[in-house]
Protein backbone atom coordinates (compact mmCIF):
# COMPACT_ATOMS: atom_id res chain seq x y z
CA UNK A 1 -7.87 -5.63 30.58
CA UNK A 2 -11.43 -4.73 29.44
CA UNK A 3 -13.60 -2.95 31.96
CA UNK A 4 -17.20 -4.88 32.20
CA UNK A 5 -18.79 -2.12 30.25
CA UNK A 6 -16.45 -1.80 27.46
CA UNK A 7 -16.45 -5.67 27.24
CA UNK A 8 -20.31 -5.85 27.16
CA UNK A 9 -20.59 -2.79 24.81
CA UNK A 10 -18.25 -4.83 22.29
CA UNK A 11 -20.24 -8.09 22.72
CA UNK A 12 -23.25 -6.25 21.63
CA UNK A 13 -21.56 -4.67 18.73
CA UNK A 14 -20.27 -8.15 17.81
CA UNK A 15 -24.04 -9.22 17.83
CA UNK A 16 -24.73 -5.75 15.74
CA UNK A 17 -22.10 -6.91 12.90
CA UNK A 18 -23.67 -10.20 12.71
CA UNK A 19 -27.14 -8.58 12.46
CA UNK A 20 -25.62 -6.69 9.62
CA UNK A 21 -24.44 -10.06 7.95
CA UNK A 22 -27.67 -11.76 8.32
CA UNK A 23 -29.28 -8.59 6.84
CA UNK A 24 -26.99 -8.33 3.89
CA UNK A 25 -27.62 -11.97 3.24
CA UNK A 26 -31.31 -11.74 3.34
CA UNK A 27 -30.88 -8.93 0.54
CA UNK A 28 -28.94 -11.18 -1.48
CA UNK A 29 -31.73 -13.70 -1.52
CA UNK A 30 -33.82 -11.11 -2.49
CA UNK A 31 -31.93 -9.88 -5.28
CA UNK A 32 -31.17 -13.68 -6.34
CA UNK A 33 -34.94 -13.85 -6.32
CA UNK A 34 -35.35 -11.34 -9.17
CA UNK A 35 -32.30 -12.47 -11.16
CA UNK A 36 -30.25 -9.71 -10.52
CA UNK A 37 -27.20 -11.90 -9.71
CA UNK A 38 -24.61 -8.94 -9.96
CA UNK A 39 -26.60 -7.15 -6.96
CA UNK A 40 -26.90 -10.56 -4.86
CA UNK A 41 -22.98 -11.05 -5.31
CA UNK A 42 -22.46 -7.60 -3.86
CA UNK A 43 -24.73 -8.29 -0.96
CA UNK A 44 -23.03 -11.71 -0.26
CA UNK A 45 -19.70 -10.02 0.01
CA UNK A 46 -20.97 -7.40 2.15
CA UNK A 47 -22.42 -10.04 4.30
CA UNK A 48 -18.93 -11.77 4.70
CA UNK A 49 -17.28 -8.20 5.13
CA UNK A 50 -19.66 -7.77 8.25
CA UNK A 51 -18.89 -11.36 9.46
CA UNK A 52 -14.90 -10.29 9.29
CA UNK A 53 -15.82 -7.11 11.17
CA UNK A 54 -17.63 -9.21 13.86
CA UNK A 55 -14.69 -11.71 14.11
CA UNK A 56 -12.16 -8.74 14.54
CA UNK A 57 -14.18 -7.66 17.39
CA UNK A 58 -14.53 -11.26 18.62
CA UNK A 59 -10.79 -11.59 18.39
CA UNK A 60 -10.13 -8.23 20.08
CA UNK A 61 -12.18 -8.86 22.91
CA UNK A 62 -10.24 -12.41 23.51
CA UNK A 63 -6.72 -10.72 23.07
CA UNK A 64 -7.77 -8.24 25.84
CA UNK A 65 -8.68 -11.29 28.40
CA UNK A 66 -12.21 -10.36 27.60
CA UNK A 67 -14.99 -12.64 27.59
CA UNK A 68 -16.99 -13.23 24.26
CA UNK A 69 -20.59 -13.78 25.12
CA UNK A 70 -22.81 -14.03 21.95
CA UNK A 71 -26.36 -12.50 21.99
CA UNK A 72 -29.26 -13.90 19.61
CA UNK A 73 -29.58 -12.18 16.49
CA UNK A 74 -33.03 -10.48 15.47
CA UNK A 75 -34.59 -11.69 12.31
CA UNK A 76 -33.72 -9.29 9.39
CA UNK A 77 -36.19 -7.84 7.02
CA UNK A 78 -37.12 -10.44 4.32
CA UNK A 79 -39.54 -8.61 1.94
CA UNK A 80 -38.11 -5.74 -0.25
CA UNK A 81 -40.26 -3.44 -2.88
CA UNK A 82 -36.92 -2.52 -5.03
CA UNK A 83 -33.43 -2.56 -5.27
CA UNK A 84 -33.65 1.28 -4.58
CA UNK A 85 -35.45 0.36 -1.34
CA UNK A 86 -32.89 -1.95 -0.43
CA UNK A 87 -30.01 0.33 -1.04
CA UNK A 88 -31.93 2.96 0.95
CA UNK A 89 -32.27 0.62 3.91
CA UNK A 90 -28.51 -0.28 3.33
CA UNK A 91 -27.31 3.30 3.66
CA UNK A 92 -29.69 4.13 6.66
CA UNK A 93 -28.45 0.92 8.24
CA UNK A 94 -24.75 1.83 7.90
CA UNK A 95 -25.56 5.21 9.02
CA UNK A 96 -26.95 3.78 12.34
CA UNK A 97 -23.73 1.41 12.76
CA UNK A 98 -21.66 4.55 12.29
CA UNK A 99 -23.49 5.98 15.41
CA UNK A 100 -23.05 2.57 17.20
CA UNK A 101 -19.23 2.52 16.29
CA UNK A 102 -19.16 6.39 17.39
CA UNK A 103 -20.81 5.77 20.77
CA UNK A 104 -18.20 2.81 21.56
CA UNK A 105 -15.37 5.27 20.53
CA UNK A 106 -16.78 7.70 23.12
CA UNK A 107 -17.26 5.19 25.76
CA UNK A 108 -13.61 3.79 25.33
CA UNK A 109 -12.38 7.59 25.37
CA UNK A 110 -14.19 8.33 28.51
CA UNK A 111 -12.84 5.26 30.30
CA UNK A 112 -9.43 6.05 29.07
CA UNK A 113 -9.17 2.75 27.22
CA UNK A 114 -6.89 3.76 24.39
CA UNK A 115 -6.38 0.37 23.13
CA UNK A 116 -10.02 0.15 22.50
CA UNK A 117 -10.17 3.53 21.19
CA UNK A 118 -7.22 2.87 18.78
CA UNK A 119 -9.12 -0.72 17.38
CA UNK A 120 -12.48 1.48 17.02
CA UNK A 121 -10.35 3.96 14.89
CA UNK A 122 -10.43 1.44 12.33
CA UNK A 123 -13.98 0.84 12.35
CA UNK A 124 -14.56 4.44 11.99
CA UNK A 125 -12.89 4.73 9.01
CA UNK A 126 -14.26 1.57 7.44
CA UNK A 127 -17.88 3.41 8.22
CA UNK A 128 -16.79 6.09 6.02
CA UNK A 129 -16.41 3.75 3.06
CA UNK A 130 -19.46 1.64 3.90
CA UNK A 131 -21.43 5.33 3.67
CA UNK A 132 -19.93 5.90 0.78
CA UNK A 133 -20.36 3.08 -1.44
CA UNK A 134 -23.87 2.72 -0.12
CA UNK A 135 -24.83 6.23 -1.09
CA UNK A 136 -22.78 5.95 -4.41
CA UNK A 137 -24.77 2.89 -5.57
CA UNK A 138 -28.25 4.48 -4.20
CA UNK A 139 -27.55 7.65 -6.45
CA UNK A 140 -26.84 5.40 -9.20
CA UNK A 141 -30.39 3.73 -8.81
CA UNK A 142 -32.06 6.67 -8.62
CA UNK A 143 -30.73 7.97 -11.82
CA UNK A 144 -31.50 4.68 -13.38
CA UNK A 145 -35.10 4.88 -12.40
CA UNK A 146 -37.23 2.31 -14.20
CA UNK A 147 -34.76 1.76 -17.00
CA UNK A 148 -34.38 -1.65 -17.39
CA UNK A 149 -31.03 -1.33 -19.19
CA UNK A 150 -29.54 0.97 -16.75
CA UNK A 151 -30.18 -1.52 -13.92
CA UNK A 152 -28.65 -4.33 -15.95
CA UNK A 153 -25.63 -2.05 -16.55
CA UNK A 154 -25.48 -1.54 -12.57
CA UNK A 155 -26.21 -5.26 -11.97
CA UNK A 156 -23.13 -5.91 -14.17
CA UNK A 157 -20.86 -3.22 -12.58
CA UNK A 158 -21.82 -4.52 -9.04
CA UNK A 159 -20.96 -8.22 -10.06
CA UNK A 160 -17.47 -7.24 -10.57
CA UNK A 161 -16.89 -6.64 -6.59
CA UNK A 162 -14.40 -9.13 -5.46
CA UNK A 163 -12.79 -8.30 -2.31
CA UNK A 164 -13.66 -8.38 1.29
CA UNK A 165 -12.24 -6.09 4.11
């Protein structure tokens, strides 16, 4: 059974994962508005992935006889200057989420909640991939600079993403 502290922390992380999903959906809307459908596709799939993360935690809390309490989700940023700015925000956001997951893991360890610490190991590994991917796209955007043709090539590459973890 989950301690109240771990349950509350997991419920807060469920909210954070929903906020991440909402953030990526807002970014997808921006990408659509500037006719970069590949970037929009990538963001939509990222939004779905974050929903899957929230549901994984949701189910985990229930599986441990905990109580899921959903919290209000903040409004995401809706105005962006460029694709490069978006991916810098993505990278910064994923690093922030990594910190959240690490703090949750440390809390589980300090409470000797081995089941939760094992569950969170999946999220730790997932965050390594999230940061790596965001950083790779950001690096490509920096290389592309203001080159329209390079941005279109990258847009085409991002449109090829088809899976959600």
